[in-house]
Amino acid sequence: MATHKHKSKKLRLVKLGRRTRWAPLWTVPKVHGKGKRVHPAQHTGVKRHWRRTKTKA
């Protein structure tokens, strides 16, 4: 990838990076009930890693 990136490409990459974050911690008791121990990444819709799965951006 080029050293100098267009602003539009940077914005697309930032948006894709936000989609791969964990869900907030308060969603675990809300979805599964109090006392259930589930990782917040289970609630993230898109699971992508920069090295494993590439994007079309």
N, C-alpha and C. Protein backbone atom coordinates (compact mmCIF):
# COMPACT_ATOMS: atom_id res chain seq x y z
N MET A 1 0.85 -1.17 0.00
CA MET A 1 0.00 0.00 0.00
C MET A 1 0.89 1.23 0.00
N ALA A 2 0.40 2.27 -0.61
CA ALA A 2 1.18 3.49 -0.72
C ALA A 2 1.38 4.15 0.64
N THR A 3 2.47 4.90 0.73
CA THR A 3 2.74 5.61 1.97
C THR A 3 1.72 6.73 2.18
N HIS A 4 1.45 7.49 1.12
CA HIS A 4 0.49 8.58 1.18
C HIS A 4 -0.85 8.07 0.66
N LYS A 5 -1.84 8.08 1.52
CA LYS A 5 -3.15 7.55 1.16
C LYS A 5 -4.14 8.69 0.96
N HIS A 6 -5.09 8.50 0.05
CA HIS A 6 -6.14 9.47 -0.14
C HIS A 6 -7.00 9.54 1.12
N LYS A 7 -7.56 10.71 1.36
CA LYS A 7 -8.39 10.86 2.55
C LYS A 7 -9.61 9.95 2.50
N SER A 8 -10.19 9.77 1.33
CA SER A 8 -11.38 8.92 1.22
C SER A 8 -11.04 7.47 1.58
N LYS A 9 -9.87 7.01 1.17
CA LYS A 9 -9.47 5.64 1.50
C LYS A 9 -9.23 5.50 3.00
N LYS A 10 -8.61 6.52 3.60
CA LYS A 10 -8.39 6.49 5.05
C LYS A 10 -9.71 6.41 5.80
N LEU A 11 -10.70 7.20 5.35
CA LEU A 11 -11.99 7.19 6.01
C LEU A 11 -12.66 5.82 5.88
N ARG A 12 -12.53 5.18 4.72
CA ARG A 12 -13.10 3.84 4.55
C ARG A 12 -12.42 2.84 5.47
N LEU A 13 -11.10 2.93 5.60
CA LEU A 13 -10.37 2.01 6.46
C LEU A 13 -10.72 2.23 7.94
N VAL A 14 -10.92 3.49 8.33
CA VAL A 14 -11.30 3.78 9.71
C VAL A 14 -12.66 3.18 10.01
N LYS A 15 -13.60 3.30 9.06
CA LYS A 15 -14.93 2.75 9.27
C LYS A 15 -14.88 1.23 9.39
N LEU A 16 -14.06 0.59 8.57
CA LEU A 16 -13.93 -0.86 8.65
C LEU A 16 -13.26 -1.27 9.96
N GLY A 17 -12.33 -0.46 10.45
CA GLY A 17 -11.68 -0.78 11.71
C GLY A 17 -12.62 -0.68 12.90
N ARG A 18 -13.59 0.25 12.82
CA ARG A 18 -14.56 0.38 13.91
C ARG A 18 -15.49 -0.81 13.98
N ARG A 19 -15.75 -1.44 12.84
CA ARG A 19 -16.70 -2.56 12.82
C ARG A 19 -16.14 -3.82 13.47
N THR A 20 -14.83 -3.89 13.64
CA THR A 20 -14.24 -5.11 14.17
C THR A 20 -14.01 -5.05 15.67
N ARG A 21 -14.40 -3.95 16.30
CA ARG A 21 -14.17 -3.83 17.74
C ARG A 21 -15.15 -4.71 18.52
N TRP A 22 -14.83 -4.91 19.80
CA TRP A 22 -15.74 -5.63 20.68
C TRP A 22 -17.00 -4.81 20.89
N ALA A 23 -18.07 -5.50 21.22
CA ALA A 23 -19.28 -4.82 21.64
C ALA A 23 -19.07 -4.26 23.05
N PRO A 24 -19.86 -3.29 23.48
CA PRO A 24 -19.72 -2.78 24.84
C PRO A 24 -19.99 -3.87 25.88
N LEU A 25 -19.37 -3.73 27.03
CA LEU A 25 -19.49 -4.76 28.07
C LEU A 25 -20.92 -4.87 28.61
N TRP A 26 -21.67 -3.78 28.59
CA TRP A 26 -23.02 -3.84 29.15
C TRP A 26 -23.97 -4.66 28.30
N THR A 27 -23.59 -5.03 27.08
CA THR A 27 -24.47 -5.83 26.24
C THR A 27 -24.52 -7.29 26.68
N VAL A 28 -23.51 -7.77 27.41
CA VAL A 28 -23.49 -9.18 27.81
C VAL A 28 -24.64 -9.50 28.77
N PRO A 29 -24.80 -8.78 29.90
CA PRO A 29 -25.96 -9.10 30.74
C PRO A 29 -27.29 -8.77 30.08
N LYS A 30 -27.30 -7.79 29.18
CA LYS A 30 -28.55 -7.43 28.52
C LYS A 30 -29.02 -8.55 27.60
N VAL A 31 -28.08 -9.18 26.88
CA VAL A 31 -28.45 -10.22 25.92
C VAL A 31 -28.60 -11.58 26.59
N HIS A 32 -27.65 -11.95 27.46
CA HIS A 32 -27.60 -13.30 28.01
C HIS A 32 -28.15 -13.41 29.42
N GLY A 33 -28.37 -12.31 30.09
CA GLY A 33 -28.86 -12.35 31.46
C GLY A 33 -27.72 -12.18 32.45
N LYS A 34 -28.07 -11.81 33.65
CA LYS A 34 -27.07 -11.53 34.68
C LYS A 34 -26.39 -12.83 35.11
N GLY A 35 -25.08 -12.79 35.24
CA GLY A 35 -24.33 -13.96 35.69
C GLY A 35 -23.76 -14.81 34.57
N LYS A 36 -24.14 -14.56 33.33
CA LYS A 36 -23.60 -15.33 32.21
C LYS A 36 -22.27 -14.72 31.78
N ARG A 37 -21.25 -15.56 31.64
CA ARG A 37 -19.92 -15.06 31.26
C ARG A 37 -19.67 -15.36 29.80
N VAL A 38 -19.83 -14.35 28.97
CA VAL A 38 -19.63 -14.46 27.53
C VAL A 38 -18.72 -13.32 27.12
N HIS A 39 -17.83 -13.59 26.19
CA HIS A 39 -16.92 -12.55 25.72
C HIS A 39 -17.69 -11.53 24.88
N PRO A 40 -17.41 -10.24 25.04
CA PRO A 40 -18.15 -9.22 24.28
C PRO A 40 -17.94 -9.32 22.77
N ALA A 41 -16.88 -9.96 22.32
CA ALA A 41 -16.67 -10.09 20.88
C ALA A 41 -17.71 -11.00 20.24
N GLN A 42 -18.42 -11.79 21.04
CA GLN A 42 -19.49 -12.64 20.51
C GLN A 42 -20.61 -11.81 19.91
N HIS A 43 -20.75 -10.56 20.35
CA HIS A 43 -21.83 -9.70 19.89
C HIS A 43 -21.41 -8.83 18.71
N THR A 44 -20.16 -8.92 18.31
CA THR A 44 -19.69 -8.13 17.17
C THR A 44 -20.10 -8.84 15.89
N GLY A 45 -20.75 -8.10 15.01
CA GLY A 45 -21.27 -8.72 13.79
C GLY A 45 -20.18 -9.12 12.82
N VAL A 46 -19.19 -8.26 12.63
CA VAL A 46 -18.14 -8.50 11.65
C VAL A 46 -16.86 -8.85 12.38
N LYS A 47 -16.32 -10.01 12.11
CA LYS A 47 -15.07 -10.41 12.73
C LYS A 47 -14.01 -10.47 11.63
N ARG A 48 -13.09 -9.52 11.67
CA ARG A 48 -12.06 -9.43 10.64
C ARG A 48 -10.76 -9.01 11.31
N HIS A 49 -9.66 -9.56 10.83
CA HIS A 49 -8.34 -9.18 11.32
C HIS A 49 -7.55 -8.63 10.15
N TRP A 50 -6.71 -7.67 10.42
CA TRP A 50 -5.98 -7.00 9.33
C TRP A 50 -5.06 -7.94 8.60
N ARG A 51 -4.63 -9.00 9.25
CA ARG A 51 -3.70 -9.92 8.61
C ARG A 51 -4.40 -11.12 7.99
N ARG A 52 -5.49 -11.53 8.58
CA ARG A 52 -6.15 -12.77 8.18
C ARG A 52 -7.12 -12.56 7.01
N THR A 53 -7.99 -11.57 7.09
CA THR A 53 -9.01 -11.34 6.07
C THR A 53 -8.86 -9.94 5.53
N LYS A 54 -8.69 -9.83 4.24
CA LYS A 54 -8.50 -8.53 3.60
C LYS A 54 -9.84 -7.94 3.17
N THR A 55 -9.85 -6.63 2.92
CA THR A 55 -11.05 -5.93 2.49
C THR A 55 -10.87 -5.47 1.05
N LYS A 56 -11.94 -4.96 0.49
CA LYS A 56 -11.88 -4.42 -0.88
C LYS A 56 -11.66 -2.91 -0.87
N ALA A 57 -11.43 -2.32 0.30
CA ALA A 57 -11.30 -0.87 0.42
C ALA A 57 -10.02 -0.36 -0.19
